[in-house]
Amino acid sequence: MNGFFKDIKEDKILLRGSILTLSVVFLSFISIGLFYSKLPPFLPLFNQMPWGEERIQKTVWIFIVPGIALIIFAINLIFEKFIYKKIPLMARIFSITALLISILGFLFIFRTINIVL
């Protein structure tokens, strides 16, 4: 397993991107955990849907946002491993993309919690 992360450890952009992505996802889980008991039973998670019942979901669904960010990070990490030797720039783009998705997910969670409370 150490050989899998060798390229990521050597490239500063990949290493920082991975650490920041995991930190933001962890911060998302922590913020949800802190405010979960204060949240109402239903949250407006699907803001693009028409107004009504389609727009709201049970509070537990808020965990899907950092979960998806974590899955995207894992998939991008695998792609980074296989692409880094041939196209290092593309691997860095994958890392930055995962970071951007995790930051946007955190902002969505923060905004949703802030609106409801």
PDB file of N, CA and C in Angstrom:
ATOM      1  N   MET A   1       0.823  -1.191   0.000  1.00  0.00           N
ATOM      2  CA  MET A   1       0.000   0.000   0.000  1.00  0.00           C
ATOM      3  C   MET A   1       0.867   1.255   0.000  1.00  0.00           C
ATOM      4  N   ASN A   2       2.049   1.164   0.563  1.00  0.00           N
ATOM      5  CA  ASN A   2       2.932   2.314   0.605  1.00  0.00           C
ATOM      6  C   ASN A   2       3.355   2.727  -0.798  1.00  0.00           C
ATOM      7  N   GLY A   3       3.541   1.751  -1.703  1.00  0.00           N
ATOM      8  CA  GLY A   3       3.897   2.061  -3.077  1.00  0.00           C
ATOM      9  C   GLY A   3       2.774   2.782  -3.809  1.00  0.00           C
ATOM     10  N   PHE A   4       1.541   2.556  -3.378  1.00  0.00           N
ATOM     11  CA  PHE A   4       0.394   3.207  -4.008  1.00  0.00           C
ATOM     12  C   PHE A   4       0.431   4.714  -3.788  1.00  0.00           C
ATOM     13  N   PHE A   5       0.853   5.140  -2.605  1.00  0.00           N
ATOM     14  CA  PHE A   5       0.859   6.559  -2.263  1.00  0.00           C
ATOM     15  C   PHE A   5       2.213   7.225  -2.505  1.00  0.00           C
ATOM     16  N   LYS A   6       3.168   6.521  -3.088  1.00  0.00           N
ATOM     17  CA  LYS A   6       4.509   7.067  -3.285  1.00  0.00           C
ATOM     18  C   LYS A   6       4.486   8.310  -4.164  1.00  0.00           C
ATOM     19  N   ASP A   7       3.785   8.237  -5.301  1.00  0.00           N
ATOM     20  CA  ASP A   7       3.728   9.385  -6.213  1.00  0.00           C
ATOM     21  C   ASP A   7       3.012  10.560  -5.577  1.00  0.00           C
ATOM     22  N   ILE A   8       1.989  10.272  -4.800  1.00  0.00           N
ATOM     23  CA  ILE A   8       1.223  11.341  -4.167  1.00  0.00           C
ATOM     24  C   ILE A   8       2.064  12.049  -3.102  1.00  0.00           C
ATOM     25  N   LYS A   9       2.885  11.295  -2.391  1.00  0.00           N
ATOM     26  CA  LYS A   9       3.745  11.892  -1.369  1.00  0.00           C
ATOM     27  C   LYS A   9       4.823  12.763  -1.984  1.00  0.00           C
ATOM     28  N   GLU A  10       5.288  12.409  -3.165  1.00  0.00           N
ATOM     29  CA  GLU A  10       6.364  13.156  -3.801  1.00  0.00           C
ATOM     30  C   GLU A  10       5.883  14.464  -4.430  1.00  0.00           C
ATOM     31  N   ASP A  11       4.661  14.505  -4.922  1.00  0.00           N
ATOM     32  CA  ASP A  11       4.126  15.700  -5.573  1.00  0.00           C
ATOM     33  C   ASP A  11       3.424  16.565  -4.530  1.00  0.00           C
ATOM     34  N   LYS A  12       3.889  17.798  -4.359  1.00  0.00           N
ATOM     35  CA  LYS A  12       3.337  18.677  -3.329  1.00  0.00           C
ATOM     36  C   LYS A  12       1.874  19.029  -3.588  1.00  0.00           C
ATOM     37  N   ILE A  13       1.523  19.236  -4.847  1.00  0.00           N
ATOM     38  CA  ILE A  13       0.150  19.608  -5.163  1.00  0.00           C
ATOM     39  C   ILE A  13      -0.807  18.457  -4.851  1.00  0.00           C
ATOM     40  N   LEU A  14      -0.422  17.239  -5.232  1.00  0.00           N
ATOM     41  CA  LEU A  14      -1.267  16.081  -4.946  1.00  0.00           C
ATOM     42  C   LEU A  14      -1.385  15.845  -3.440  1.00  0.00           C
ATOM     43  N   LEU A  15      -0.278  15.986  -2.735  1.00  0.00           N
ATOM     44  CA  LEU A  15      -0.294  15.758  -1.292  1.00  0.00           C
ATOM     45  C   LEU A  15      -1.158  16.792  -0.582  1.00  0.00           C
ATOM     46  N   ARG A  16      -0.953  18.059  -0.899  1.00  0.00           N
ATOM     47  CA  ARG A  16      -1.742  19.112  -0.253  1.00  0.00           C
ATOM     48  C   ARG A  16      -3.215  19.015  -0.631  1.00  0.00           C
ATOM     49  N   GLY A  17      -3.479  18.720  -1.894  1.00  0.00           N
ATOM     50  CA  GLY A  17      -4.864  18.565  -2.328  1.00  0.00           C
ATOM     51  C   GLY A  17      -5.567  17.432  -1.604  1.00  0.00           C
ATOM     52  N   SER A  18      -4.857  16.317  -1.437  1.00  0.00           N
ATOM     53  CA  SER A  18      -5.452  15.166  -0.752  1.00  0.00           C
ATOM     54  C   SER A  18      -5.689  15.458   0.727  1.00  0.00           C
ATOM     55  N   ILE A  19      -4.725  16.072   1.357  1.00  0.00           N
ATOM     56  CA  ILE A  19      -4.865  16.391   2.787  1.00  0.00           C
ATOM     57  C   ILE A  19      -5.994  17.402   3.006  1.00  0.00           C
ATOM     58  N   LEU A  20      -6.043  18.434   2.172  1.00  0.00           N
ATOM     59  CA  LEU A  20      -7.100  19.434   2.317  1.00  0.00           C
ATOM     60  C   LEU A  20      -8.482  18.847   2.025  1.00  0.00           C
ATOM     61  N   THR A  21      -8.562  17.987   1.034  1.00  0.00           N
ATOM     62  CA  THR A  21      -9.843  17.358   0.712  1.00  0.00           C
ATOM     63  C   THR A  21     -10.342  16.518   1.879  1.00  0.00           C
ATOM     64  N   LEU A  22      -9.470  15.694   2.425  1.00  0.00           N
ATOM     65  CA  LEU A  22      -9.867  14.878   3.573  1.00  0.00           C
ATOM     66  C   LEU A  22     -10.223  15.741   4.777  1.00  0.00           C
ATOM     67  N   SER A  23      -9.511  16.837   4.963  1.00  0.00           N
ATOM     68  CA  SER A  23      -9.804  17.742   6.077  1.00  0.00           C
ATOM     69  C   SER A  23     -11.177  18.383   5.933  1.00  0.00           C
ATOM     70  N   VAL A  24     -11.500  18.823   4.725  1.00  0.00           N
ATOM     71  CA  VAL A  24     -12.795  19.463   4.495  1.00  0.00           C
ATOM     72  C   VAL A  24     -13.932  18.451   4.654  1.00  0.00           C
ATOM     73  N   VAL A  25     -13.741  17.244   4.149  1.00  0.00           N
ATOM     74  CA  VAL A  25     -14.768  16.207   4.302  1.00  0.00           C
ATOM     75  C   VAL A  25     -14.945  15.867   5.786  1.00  0.00           C
ATOM     76  N   PHE A  26     -13.849  15.752   6.509  1.00  0.00           N
ATOM     77  CA  PHE A  26     -13.916  15.481   7.947  1.00  0.00           C
ATOM     78  C   PHE A  26     -14.612  16.624   8.673  1.00  0.00           C
ATOM     79  N   LEU A  27     -14.314  17.859   8.290  1.00  0.00           N
ATOM     80  CA  LEU A  27     -14.960  19.024   8.881  1.00  0.00           C
ATOM     81  C   LEU A  27     -16.460  19.030   8.583  1.00  0.00           C
ATOM     82  N   SER A  28     -16.831  18.562   7.408  1.00  0.00           N
ATOM     83  CA  SER A  28     -18.255  18.457   7.055  1.00  0.00           C
ATOM     84  C   SER A  28     -18.967  17.471   7.967  1.00  0.00           C
ATOM     85  N   PHE A  29     -18.361  16.292   8.156  1.00  0.00           N
ATOM     86  CA  PHE A  29     -18.964  15.307   9.051  1.00  0.00           C
ATOM     87  C   PHE A  29     -19.059  15.836  10.480  1.00  0.00           C
ATOM     88  N   ILE A  30     -18.032  16.539  10.923  1.00  0.00           N
ATOM     89  CA  ILE A  30     -18.035  17.098  12.286  1.00  0.00           C
ATOM     90  C   ILE A  30     -19.141  18.140  12.437  1.00  0.00           C
ATOM     91  N   SER A  31     -19.263  19.041  11.458  1.00  0.00           N
ATOM     92  CA  SER A  31     -20.279  20.090  11.568  1.00  0.00           C
ATOM     93  C   SER A  31     -21.687  19.500  11.548  1.00  0.00           C
ATOM     94  N   ILE A  32     -21.898  18.468  10.746  1.00  0.00           N
ATOM     95  CA  ILE A  32     -23.208  17.806  10.757  1.00  0.00           C
ATOM     96  C   ILE A  32     -23.442  17.158  12.114  1.00  0.00           C
ATOM     97  N   GLY A  33     -22.428  16.500  12.646  1.00  0.00           N
ATOM     98  CA  GLY A  33     -22.566  15.845  13.941  1.00  0.00           C
ATOM     99  C   GLY A  33     -22.865  16.810  15.067  1.00  0.00           C
ATOM    100  N   LEU A  34     -22.275  18.007  15.005  1.00  0.00           N
ATOM    101  CA  LEU A  34     -22.497  18.991  16.062  1.00  0.00           C
ATOM    102  C   LEU A  34     -23.928  19.537  16.062  1.00  0.00           C
ATOM    103  N   PHE A  35     -24.480  19.733  14.882  1.00  0.00           N
ATOM    104  CA  PHE A  35     -25.793  20.365  14.794  1.00  0.00           C
ATOM    105  C   PHE A  35     -26.924  19.396  14.504  1.00  0.00           C
ATOM    106  N   TYR A  36     -26.632  18.108  14.394  1.00  0.00           N
ATOM    107  CA  TYR A  36     -27.654  17.140  13.989  1.00  0.00           C
ATOM    108  C   TYR A  36     -28.843  17.116  14.942  1.00  0.00           C
ATOM    109  N   SER A  37     -28.599  17.192  16.229  1.00  0.00           N
ATOM    110  CA  SER A  37     -29.706  17.112  17.194  1.00  0.00           C
ATOM    111  C   SER A  37     -30.587  18.364  17.159  1.00  0.00           C
ATOM    112  N   LYS A  38     -30.060  19.485  16.673  1.00  0.00           N
ATOM    113  CA  LYS A  38     -30.828  20.734  16.622  1.00  0.00           C
ATOM    114  C   LYS A  38     -31.592  20.900  15.314  1.00  0.00           C
ATOM    115  N   LEU A  39     -31.318  20.048  14.330  1.00  0.00           N
ATOM    116  CA  LEU A  39     -31.958  20.181  13.020  1.00  0.00           C
ATOM    117  C   LEU A  39     -33.385  19.650  13.061  1.00  0.00           C
ATOM    118  N   PRO A  40     -34.270  20.226  12.229  1.00  0.00           N
ATOM    119  CA  PRO A  40     -35.644  19.714  12.159  1.00  0.00           C
ATOM    120  C   PRO A  40     -35.669  18.348  11.479  1.00  0.00           C
ATOM    121  N   PRO A  41     -36.792  17.633  11.539  1.00  0.00           N
ATOM    122  CA  PRO A  41     -36.848  16.283  10.960  1.00  0.00           C
ATOM    123  C   PRO A  41     -36.709  16.259   9.434  1.00  0.00           C
ATOM    124  N   PHE A  42     -37.021  17.371   8.758  1.00  0.00           N
ATOM    125  CA  PHE A  42     -36.896  17.443   7.312  1.00  0.00           C
ATOM    126  C   PHE A  42     -36.093  18.672   6.929  1.00  0.00           C
ATOM    127  N   LEU A  43     -35.249  18.523   5.883  1.00  0.00           N
ATOM    128  CA  LEU A  43     -34.404  19.617   5.406  1.00  0.00           C
ATOM    129  C   LEU A  43     -34.635  19.852   3.917  1.00  0.00           C
ATOM    130  N   PRO A  44     -34.505  21.107   3.465  1.00  0.00           N
ATOM    131  CA  PRO A  44     -34.609  21.378   2.023  1.00  0.00           C
ATOM    132  C   PRO A  44     -33.273  21.066   1.331  1.00  0.00           C
ATOM    133  N   LEU A  45     -33.119  19.850   0.862  1.00  0.00           N
ATOM    134  CA  LEU A  45     -31.848  19.441   0.263  1.00  0.00           C
ATOM    135  C   LEU A  45     -31.827  19.577  -1.255  1.00  0.00           C
ATOM    136  N   PHE A  46     -32.951  19.412  -1.900  1.00  0.00           N
ATOM    137  CA  PHE A  46     -32.998  19.459  -3.361  1.00  0.00           C
ATOM    138  C   PHE A  46     -33.580  20.798  -3.792  1.00  0.00           C
ATOM    139  N   ASN A  47     -32.753  21.813  -3.801  1.00  0.00           N
ATOM    140  CA  ASN A  47     -33.216  23.172  -4.055  1.00  0.00           C
ATOM    141  C   ASN A  47     -33.601  23.423  -5.509  1.00  0.00           C
ATOM    142  N   GLN A  48     -33.216  22.552  -6.416  1.00  0.00           N
ATOM    143  CA  GLN A  48     -33.567  22.729  -7.824  1.00  0.00           C
ATOM    144  C   GLN A  48     -34.957  22.185  -8.151  1.00  0.00           C
ATOM    145  N   MET A  49     -35.521  21.434  -7.238  1.00  0.00           N
ATOM    146  CA  MET A  49     -36.853  20.861  -7.453  1.00  0.00           C
ATOM    147  C   MET A  49     -37.916  21.933  -7.199  1.00  0.00           C
ATOM    148  N   PRO A  50     -39.130  21.718  -7.745  1.00  0.00           N
ATOM    149  CA  PRO A  50     -40.211  22.673  -7.474  1.00  0.00           C
ATOM    150  C   PRO A  50     -40.566  22.687  -5.987  1.00  0.00           C
ATOM    151  N   TRP A  51     -41.152  23.775  -5.570  1.00  0.00           N
ATOM    152  CA  TRP A  51     -41.497  23.942  -4.163  1.00  0.00           C
ATOM    153  C   TRP A  51     -42.501  22.873  -3.750  1.00  0.00           C
ATOM    154  N   GLY A  52     -42.222  22.251  -2.615  1.00  0.00           N
ATOM    155  CA  GLY A  52     -43.139  21.237  -2.103  1.00  0.00           C
ATOM    156  C   GLY A  52     -42.386  20.075  -1.505  1.00  0.00           C
ATOM    157  N   GLU A  53     -43.058  18.925  -1.456  1.00  0.00           N
ATOM    158  CA  GLU A  53     -42.493  17.754  -0.805  1.00  0.00           C
ATOM    159  C   GLU A  53     -41.282  17.178  -1.530  1.00  0.00           C
ATOM    160  N   GLU A  54     -41.182  17.398  -2.835  1.00  0.00           N
ATOM    161  CA  GLU A  54     -40.038  16.868  -3.587  1.00  0.00           C
ATOM    162  C   GLU A  54     -38.729  17.522  -3.157  1.00  0.00           C
ATOM    163  N   ARG A  55     -38.849  18.696  -2.590  1.00  0.00           N
ATOM    164  CA  ARG A  55     -37.673  19.486  -2.239  1.00  0.00           C
ATOM    165  C   ARG A  55     -37.060  19.084  -0.892  1.00  0.00           C
ATOM    166  N   ILE A  56     -37.833  18.500  -0.029  1.00  0.00           N
ATOM    167  CA  ILE A  56     -37.341  18.188   1.313  1.00  0.00           C
ATOM    168  C   ILE A  56     -37.079  16.692   1.467  1.00  0.00           C
ATOM    169  N   GLN A  57     -36.156  16.379   2.356  1.00  0.00           N
ATOM    170  CA  GLN A  57     -35.817  14.992   2.690  1.00  0.00           C
ATOM    171  C   GLN A  57     -35.592  14.901   4.193  1.00  0.00           C
ATOM    172  N   LYS A  58     -35.516  13.682   4.671  1.00  0.00           N
ATOM    173  CA  LYS A  58     -35.233  13.478   6.091  1.00  0.00           C
ATOM    174  C   LYS A  58     -33.844  14.008   6.415  1.00  0.00           C
ATOM    175  N   THR A  59     -33.654  14.380   7.656  1.00  0.00           N
ATOM    176  CA  THR A  59     -32.408  15.002   8.092  1.00  0.00           C
ATOM    177  C   THR A  59     -31.198  14.104   7.860  1.00  0.00           C
ATOM    178  N   VAL A  60     -31.360  12.800   7.949  1.00  0.00           N
ATOM    179  CA  VAL A  60     -30.241  11.883   7.799  1.00  0.00           C
ATOM    180  C   VAL A  60     -29.622  11.980   6.396  1.00  0.00           C
ATOM    181  N   TRP A  61     -30.389  12.463   5.415  1.00  0.00           N
ATOM    182  CA  TRP A  61     -29.890  12.572   4.047  1.00  0.00           C
ATOM    183  C   TRP A  61     -28.784  13.610   3.910  1.00  0.00           C
ATOM    184  N   ILE A  62     -28.586  14.455   4.899  1.00  0.00           N
ATOM    185  CA  ILE A  62     -27.529  15.462   4.803  1.00  0.00           C
ATOM    186  C   ILE A  62     -26.140  14.803   4.822  1.00  0.00           C
ATOM    187  N   PHE A  63     -26.070  13.579   5.352  1.00  0.00           N
ATOM    188  CA  PHE A  63     -24.793  12.858   5.364  1.00  0.00           C
ATOM    189  C   PHE A  63     -24.372  12.394   3.973  1.00  0.00           C
ATOM    190  N   ILE A  64     -25.271  12.433   3.024  1.00  0.00           N
ATOM    191  CA  ILE A  64     -24.929  11.978   1.681  1.00  0.00           C
ATOM    192  C   ILE A  64     -23.964  12.952   0.989  1.00  0.00           C
ATOM    193  N   VAL A  65     -24.004  14.215   1.351  1.00  0.00           N
ATOM    194  CA  VAL A  65     -23.148  15.219   0.705  1.00  0.00           C
ATOM    195  C   VAL A  65     -21.669  14.948   0.985  1.00  0.00           C
ATOM    196  N   PRO A  66     -21.229  14.846   2.250  1.00  0.00           N
ATOM    197  CA  PRO A  66     -19.808  14.519   2.444  1.00  0.00           C
ATOM    198  C   PRO A  66     -19.477  13.093   2.020  1.00  0.00           C
ATOM    199  N   GLY A  67     -20.469  12.205   2.036  1.00  0.00           N
ATOM    200  CA  GLY A  67     -20.242  10.836   1.566  1.00  0.00           C
ATOM    201  C   GLY A  67     -19.906  10.806   0.082  1.00  0.00           C
ATOM    202  N   ILE A  68     -20.644  11.568  -0.708  1.00  0.00           N
ATOM    203  CA  ILE A  68     -20.365  11.651  -2.137  1.00  0.00           C
ATOM    204  C   ILE A  68     -19.012  12.302  -2.377  1.00  0.00           C
ATOM    205  N   ALA A  69     -18.690  13.338  -1.613  1.00  0.00           N
ATOM    206  CA  ALA A  69     -17.380  13.987  -1.749  1.00  0.00           C
ATOM    207  C   ALA A  69     -16.252  13.003  -1.433  1.00  0.00           C
ATOM    208  N   LEU A  70     -16.469  12.150  -0.442  1.00  0.00           N
ATOM    209  CA  LEU A  70     -15.459  11.151  -0.085  1.00  0.00           C
ATOM    210  C   LEU A  70     -15.317  10.090  -1.173  1.00  0.00           C
ATOM    211  N   ILE A  71     -16.411   9.681  -1.768  1.00  0.00           N
ATOM    212  CA  ILE A  71     -16.361   8.706  -2.862  1.00  0.00           C
ATOM    213  C   ILE A  71     -15.659   9.301  -4.076  1.00  0.00           C
ATOM    214  N   ILE A  72     -15.966  10.544  -4.402  1.00  0.00           N
ATOM    215  CA  ILE A  72     -15.296  11.204  -5.530  1.00  0.00           C
ATOM    216  C   ILE A  72     -13.806  11.333  -5.257  1.00  0.00           C
ATOM    217  N   PHE A  73     -13.437  11.641  -4.012  1.00  0.00           N
ATOM    218  CA  PHE A  73     -12.023  11.721  -3.661  1.00  0.00           C
ATOM    219  C   PHE A  73     -11.336  10.379  -3.866  1.00  0.00           C
ATOM    220  N   ALA A  74     -11.974   9.301  -3.437  1.00  0.00           N
ATOM    221  CA  ALA A  74     -11.375   7.967  -3.585  1.00  0.00           C
ATOM    222  C   ALA A  74     -11.224   7.582  -5.055  1.00  0.00           C
ATOM    223  N   ILE A  75     -12.224   7.868  -5.852  1.00  0.00           N
ATOM    224  CA  ILE A  75     -12.147   7.558  -7.285  1.00  0.00           C
ATOM    225  C   ILE A  75     -11.053   8.390  -7.946  1.00  0.00           C
ATOM    226  N   ASN A  76     -10.991   9.671  -7.609  1.00  0.00           N
ATOM    227  CA  ASN A  76      -9.943  10.524  -8.169  1.00  0.00           C
ATOM    228  C   ASN A  76      -8.558  10.091  -7.713  1.00  0.00           C
ATOM    229  N   LEU A  77      -8.449   9.591  -6.502  1.00  0.00           N
ATOM    230  CA  LEU A  77      -7.164   9.108  -6.003  1.00  0.00           C
ATOM    231  C   LEU A  77      -6.686   7.908  -6.820  1.00  0.00           C
ATOM    232  N   ILE A  78      -7.596   7.044  -7.167  1.00  0.00           N
ATOM    233  CA  ILE A  78      -7.246   5.888  -8.007  1.00  0.00           C
ATOM    234  C   ILE A  78      -6.825   6.360  -9.400  1.00  0.00           C
ATOM    235  N   PHE A  79      -7.587   7.303  -9.965  1.00  0.00           N
ATOM    236  CA  PHE A  79      -7.211   7.838 -11.271  1.00  0.00           C
ATOM    237  C   PHE A  79      -5.850   8.528 -11.222  1.00  0.00           C
ATOM    238  N   GLU A  80      -5.597   9.277 -10.143  1.00  0.00           N
ATOM    239  CA  GLU A  80      -4.303   9.948  -9.987  1.00  0.00           C
ATOM    240  C   GLU A  80      -3.162   8.946 -10.013  1.00  0.00           C
ATOM    241  N   LYS A  81      -3.348   7.832  -9.347  1.00  0.00           N
ATOM    242  CA  LYS A  81      -2.302   6.817  -9.272  1.00  0.00           C
ATOM    243  C   LYS A  81      -1.940   6.288 -10.655  1.00  0.00           C
ATOM    244  N   PHE A  82      -2.951   6.011 -11.465  1.00  0.00           N
ATOM    245  CA  PHE A  82      -2.681   5.413 -12.767  1.00  0.00           C
ATOM    246  C   PHE A  82      -2.263   6.430 -13.820  1.00  0.00           C
ATOM    247  N   ILE A  83      -2.628   7.685 -13.649  1.00  0.00           N
ATOM    248  CA  ILE A  83      -2.346   8.695 -14.666  1.00  0.00           C
ATOM    249  C   ILE A  83      -1.061   9.474 -14.375  1.00  0.00           C
ATOM    250  N   TYR A  84      -0.622   9.509 -13.124  1.00  0.00           N
ATOM    251  CA  TYR A  84       0.458  10.414 -12.724  1.00  0.00           C
ATOM    252  C   TYR A  84       1.735  10.230 -13.545  1.00  0.00           C
ATOM    253  N   LYS A  85       2.130   9.023 -13.804  1.00  0.00           N
ATOM    254  CA  LYS A  85       3.382   8.786 -14.540  1.00  0.00           C
ATOM    255  C   LYS A  85       3.309   9.315 -15.975  1.00  0.00           C
ATOM    256  N   LYS A  86       2.135   9.212 -16.605  1.00  0.00           N
ATOM    257  CA  LYS A  86       1.996   9.626 -18.000  1.00  0.00           C
ATOM    258  C   LYS A  86       1.645  11.105 -18.134  1.00  0.00           C
ATOM    259  N   ILE A  87       0.656  11.555 -17.342  1.00  0.00           N
ATOM    260  CA  ILE A  87       0.176  12.936 -17.439  1.00  0.00           C
ATOM    261  C   ILE A  87       0.048  13.522 -16.029  1.00  0.00           C
ATOM    262  N   PRO A  88       1.125  14.061 -15.474  1.00  0.00           N
ATOM    263  CA  PRO A  88       1.050  14.598 -14.108  1.00  0.00           C
ATOM    264  C   PRO A  88       0.065  15.760 -13.960  1.00  0.00           C
ATOM    265  N   LEU A  89      -0.087  16.563 -15.005  1.00  0.00           N
ATOM    266  CA  LEU A  89      -1.011  17.689 -14.926  1.00  0.00           C
ATOM    267  C   LEU A  89      -2.445  17.215 -14.734  1.00  0.00           C
ATOM    268  N   MET A  90      -2.814  16.155 -15.420  1.00  0.00           N
ATOM    269  CA  MET A  90      -4.168  15.617 -15.293  1.00  0.00           C
ATOM    270  C   MET A  90      -4.404  15.077 -13.881  1.00  0.00           C
ATOM    271  N   ALA A  91      -3.397  14.448 -13.294  1.00  0.00           N
ATOM    272  CA  ALA A  91      -3.524  13.961 -11.921  1.00  0.00           C
ATOM    273  C   ALA A  91      -3.724  15.124 -10.952  1.00  0.00           C
ATOM    274  N   ARG A  92      -3.027  16.225 -11.189  1.00  0.00           N
ATOM    275  CA  ARG A  92      -3.190  17.406 -10.336  1.00  0.00           C
ATOM    276  C   ARG A  92      -4.586  18.012 -10.510  1.00  0.00           C
ATOM    277  N   ILE A  93      -5.092  17.980 -11.731  1.00  0.00           N
ATOM    278  CA  ILE A  93      -6.444  18.488 -11.975  1.00  0.00           C
ATOM    279  C   ILE A  93      -7.469  17.638 -11.230  1.00  0.00           C
ATOM    280  N   PHE A  94      -7.274  16.318 -11.218  1.00  0.00           N
ATOM    281  CA  PHE A  94      -8.165  15.446 -10.451  1.00  0.00           C
ATOM    282  C   PHE A  94      -8.129  15.799  -8.964  1.00  0.00           C
ATOM    283  N   SER A  95      -6.941  16.073  -8.454  1.00  0.00           N
ATOM    284  CA  SER A  95      -6.799  16.410  -7.041  1.00  0.00           C
ATOM    285  C   SER A  95      -7.501  17.727  -6.714  1.00  0.00           C
ATOM    286  N   ILE A  96      -7.321  18.722  -7.551  1.00  0.00           N
ATOM    287  CA  ILE A  96      -7.951  20.024  -7.331  1.00  0.00           C
ATOM    288  C   ILE A  96      -9.478  19.902  -7.477  1.00  0.00           C
ATOM    289  N   THR A  97      -9.927  19.073  -8.403  1.00  0.00           N
ATOM    290  CA  THR A  97     -11.359  18.871  -8.586  1.00  0.00           C
ATOM    291  C   THR A  97     -11.989  18.248  -7.339  1.00  0.00           C
ATOM    292  N   ALA A  98     -11.338  17.250  -6.772  1.00  0.00           N
ATOM    293  CA  ALA A  98     -11.850  16.630  -5.550  1.00  0.00           C
ATOM    294  C   ALA A  98     -11.899  17.649  -4.413  1.00  0.00           C
ATOM    295  N   LEU A  99     -10.878  18.506  -4.329  1.00  0.00           N
ATOM    296  CA  LEU A  99     -10.867  19.549  -3.302  1.00  0.00           C
ATOM    297  C   LEU A  99     -12.017  20.529  -3.521  1.00  0.00           C
ATOM    298  N   LEU A 100     -12.232  20.937  -4.747  1.00  0.00           N
ATOM    299  CA  LEU A 100     -13.309  21.873  -5.048  1.00  0.00           C
ATOM    300  C   LEU A 100     -14.674  21.272  -4.717  1.00  0.00           C
ATOM    301  N   ILE A 101     -14.881  20.020  -5.045  1.00  0.00           N
ATOM    302  CA  ILE A 101     -16.157  19.353  -4.747  1.00  0.00           C
ATOM    303  C   ILE A 101     -16.373  19.259  -3.239  1.00  0.00           C
ATOM    304  N   SER A 102     -15.322  18.952  -2.494  1.00  0.00           N
ATOM    305  CA  SER A 102     -15.481  18.860  -1.036  1.00  0.00           C
ATOM    306  C   SER A 102     -15.762  20.234  -0.423  1.00  0.00           C
ATOM    307  N   ILE A 103     -15.136  21.287  -0.949  1.00  0.00           N
ATOM    308  CA  ILE A 103     -15.397  22.639  -0.437  1.00  0.00           C
ATOM    309  C   ILE A 103     -16.824  23.061  -0.751  1.00  0.00           C
ATOM    310  N   LEU A 104     -17.273  22.796  -1.974  1.00  0.00           N
ATOM    311  CA  LEU A 104     -18.650  23.142  -2.334  1.00  0.00           C
ATOM    312  C   LEU A 104     -19.660  22.344  -1.508  1.00  0.00           C
ATOM    313  N   GLY A 105     -19.352  21.090  -1.224  1.00  0.00           N
ATOM    314  CA  GLY A 105     -20.218  20.292  -0.363  1.00  0.00           C
ATOM    315  C   GLY A 105     -20.285  20.857   1.044  1.00  0.00           C
ATOM    316  N   PHE A 106     -19.125  21.281   1.561  1.00  0.00           N
ATOM    317  CA  PHE A 106     -19.108  21.882   2.896  1.00  0.00           C
ATOM    318  C   PHE A 106     -19.920  23.172   2.921  1.00  0.00           C
ATOM    319  N   LEU A 107     -19.793  23.994   1.880  1.00  0.00           N
ATOM    320  CA  LEU A 107     -20.568  25.233   1.825  1.00  0.00           C
ATOM    321  C   LEU A 107     -22.069  24.945   1.746  1.00  0.00           C
ATOM    322  N   PHE A 108     -22.446  23.910   1.007  1.00  0.00           N
ATOM    323  CA  PHE A 108     -23.848  23.514   0.941  1.00  0.00           C
ATOM    324  C   PHE A 108     -24.358  23.104   2.317  1.00  0.00           C
ATOM    325  N   ILE A 109     -23.576  22.312   3.027  1.00  0.00           N
ATOM    326  CA  ILE A 109     -23.975  21.873   4.371  1.00  0.00           C
ATOM    327  C   ILE A 109     -24.075  23.066   5.310  1.00  0.00           C
ATOM    328  N   PHE A 110     -23.071  23.931   5.272  1.00  0.00           N
ATOM    329  CA  PHE A 110     -23.051  25.113   6.143  1.00  0.00           C
ATOM    330  C   PHE A 110     -24.257  26.006   5.865  1.00  0.00           C
ATOM    331  N   ARG A 111     -24.559  26.215   4.597  1.00  0.00           N
ATOM    332  CA  ARG A 111     -25.688  27.054   4.216  1.00  0.00           C
ATOM    333  C   ARG A 111     -27.013  26.429   4.639  1.00  0.00           C
ATOM    334  N   THR A 112     -27.146  25.137   4.428  1.00  0.00           N
ATOM    335  CA  THR A 112     -28.386  24.448   4.804  1.00  0.00           C
ATOM    336  C   THR A 112     -28.609  24.505   6.307  1.00  0.00           C
ATOM    337  N   ILE A 113     -27.568  24.242   7.063  1.00  0.00           N
ATOM    338  CA  ILE A 113     -27.688  24.298   8.529  1.00  0.00           C
ATOM    339  C   ILE A 113     -27.980  25.714   8.984  1.00  0.00           C
ATOM    340  N   ASN A 114     -27.324  26.672   8.362  1.00  0.00           N
ATOM    341  CA  ASN A 114     -27.517  28.077   8.741  1.00  0.00           C
ATOM    342  C   ASN A 114     -28.931  28.550   8.426  1.00  0.00           C
ATOM    343  N   ILE A 115     -29.507  28.095   7.326  1.00  0.00           N
ATOM    344  CA  ILE A 115     -30.864  28.494   6.948  1.00  0.00           C
ATOM    345  C   ILE A 115     -31.899  27.923   7.911  1.00  0.00           C
ATOM    346  N   VAL A 116     -31.725  26.651   8.268  1.00  0.00           N
ATOM    347  CA  VAL A 116     -32.743  25.993   9.092  1.00  0.00           C
ATOM    348  C   VAL A 116     -32.658  26.424  10.552  1.00  0.00           C
ATOM    349  N   LEU A 117     -31.473  26.717  11.008  1.00  0.00           N
ATOM    350  CA  LEU A 117     -31.355  27.134  12.423  1.00  0.00           C
ATOM    351  C   LEU A 117     -31.460  28.626  12.460  1.00  0.00           C
TER     352      LEU A 117
END
